[in-house]
Amino acid sequence: MQPKERIIEMFLQMIAGFKPLVEAKLATLGGKGFEAEIWLRHNVPEKQGFLIEWDNDLGNDLIRRFQYRFCPNLEQFPSRLRQVHGKDAYVDAFHLDFCGTAETRITEIQNTLQLISAKNSARCLAITVHDARENKSIKQHGKIKLALEEMLNADEAEVFFQKLIAQQKSLPKAKTDHLPTFFKQHFDPIKGAKREFGLFVLLLQAMIQQGGNILFPDRIERYVYVSRFMNARRPARMRTYLFHFACDGREFTQANIRSLLEQWVNSNLWWVKEDEVISVFTHPIPEVRQTMTTLKFDKLQTIATAVGGEALEEFEALLAAAQNSTGDGTTLQEIADILMRRGKIMVVEAPASPQAPTTPHEPTRAPRRGGRNSKPKQSWDALSKREQIEWKIKALETKKENGGKFPKNVWDKMLKDDFGAYNKHLAASLRSNLARTSGSTFRPQFEARIREVFGKDAKPLLDRLAKL
């Protein structure tokens, strides 16, 4: 049995757990009719199945071979469905079997969620994507990660990403599983994690845009396989995600997002072969405290210094290469990987930085470049808790002075003065931190943080904040 056939069979089993297949209304992107053939084997009634295909030749072939209802494109499908089954029509299950990637298809995913959202629907969704193609999840990973940071925080987004990397590294390798050379050459666990991270954020954004009661998954299954492995000239790694959605009136809150995130990383990741389905072993990764952002530059430097020897030499050599790199920042991740391979390195924690006494009336500013005995801070985590809060308030005051926004020259100068140089990843992190100081949700939390850190000295800062 081909891997894709096996996954479709498992999707039908999921659907059947919520509604008999002879009663369920199913829809898929038709392609060459592979899924429709499986429907026939399971006696899915012809009036209950919809095949959607934009390619004229493939569409004509589907019409000739099958009696299932046909629609020429995904955009027309909702109206076509209502024509057949009435204005309140819905589908029980939908397989979005994209030929490529999903990042540009948020509208289709959002519309699909609406079509399966009825209370009496089985509410099952499958998404299949091509794993080898370049896409926005890789090219714009920093921007996508920032979107999740704004919903939760930078620490939680980073921990989620690191867990995905650990899981991707557990996928079979060529030399251990007798897979062809191409499988080893073209798989990068960091890129794989970025793709899955991007799909998670994409689905989350589509869920949010539904409005009203949001459907949250209560069952997630993740599958990786090689399509057309036995007989194709160009086999390709594919991923399919199966979801069942609850209809329990949950709202869009941080607690529910955290719950979904944990459910995602704790769901089984399956490697599908012709003859078996293997649950991929996930290597345990260290617990990361909520107050510590993982794998930041200063943490890696502290770890390398603590270990010393060859680890420190490799860190400094890779750092020199990273500083000359114009890539997307994965070079520092490679540094982390090398350090972790040296054993028990991630359990070494950076020593706490002593807090310099500060005067609450005047914000402590990181020294400017060229100071006599010190240099500007190189990262956000290098600031003490007090310095972080004072920097945020100073930045908000600067924003107000410039008409409620940061002109590029002002923003760049702030980063150069306070952190030594402009860095796009640091800039994204700082903007995320500033975003969590305003609004009806975050402003009270920020005020509470000021009281917690400054105690009896909090009032001058709170008075400054009240004016912003």
Foldseek 3Di string as FASTA:
>chain_A
DALVVVVLVVLQVLLCVQPNQCPFQEEEAQAQNPSVVVSVVSVRDQARYEYEAQDPVSQVNCVVPGSHHYHNHLVCVLVVQCVSVNPLAAGQEYEYEDPAACLVPLVSLLVNQVRNQDQSHQQKYKYKHFLQDDDCLFVVVLVLLLVVCLQPHLQVSQVLLVQQLLLLVLPDACVVPVADPVVNVRDDSSSSSSRVSSVLSSNVVSQQVNPFQGWAFPAKEKEWEWPPRPDDPDITIMIMMMTHTDRDRDDDHSVSSVVSSVNVSPHWYWYTDPVDIHGGDGDDDDDDDPVDRPLDPVFLQQLQVVVDDPLVVVLVVLVVVVVVDPDDPCSSVVNVVVSVVVDPSVVDGRDDDDDDDDQLQDADAAAFDPDDPHHAAAALVVDDLSNNLSVLLVVCVVCVVVVNHADPVRLQVNCCGRNVGDDPSRSSNNVSVNSQCDDPPRVVVSLVSLCVVVPPSSVSVVVSSVVD
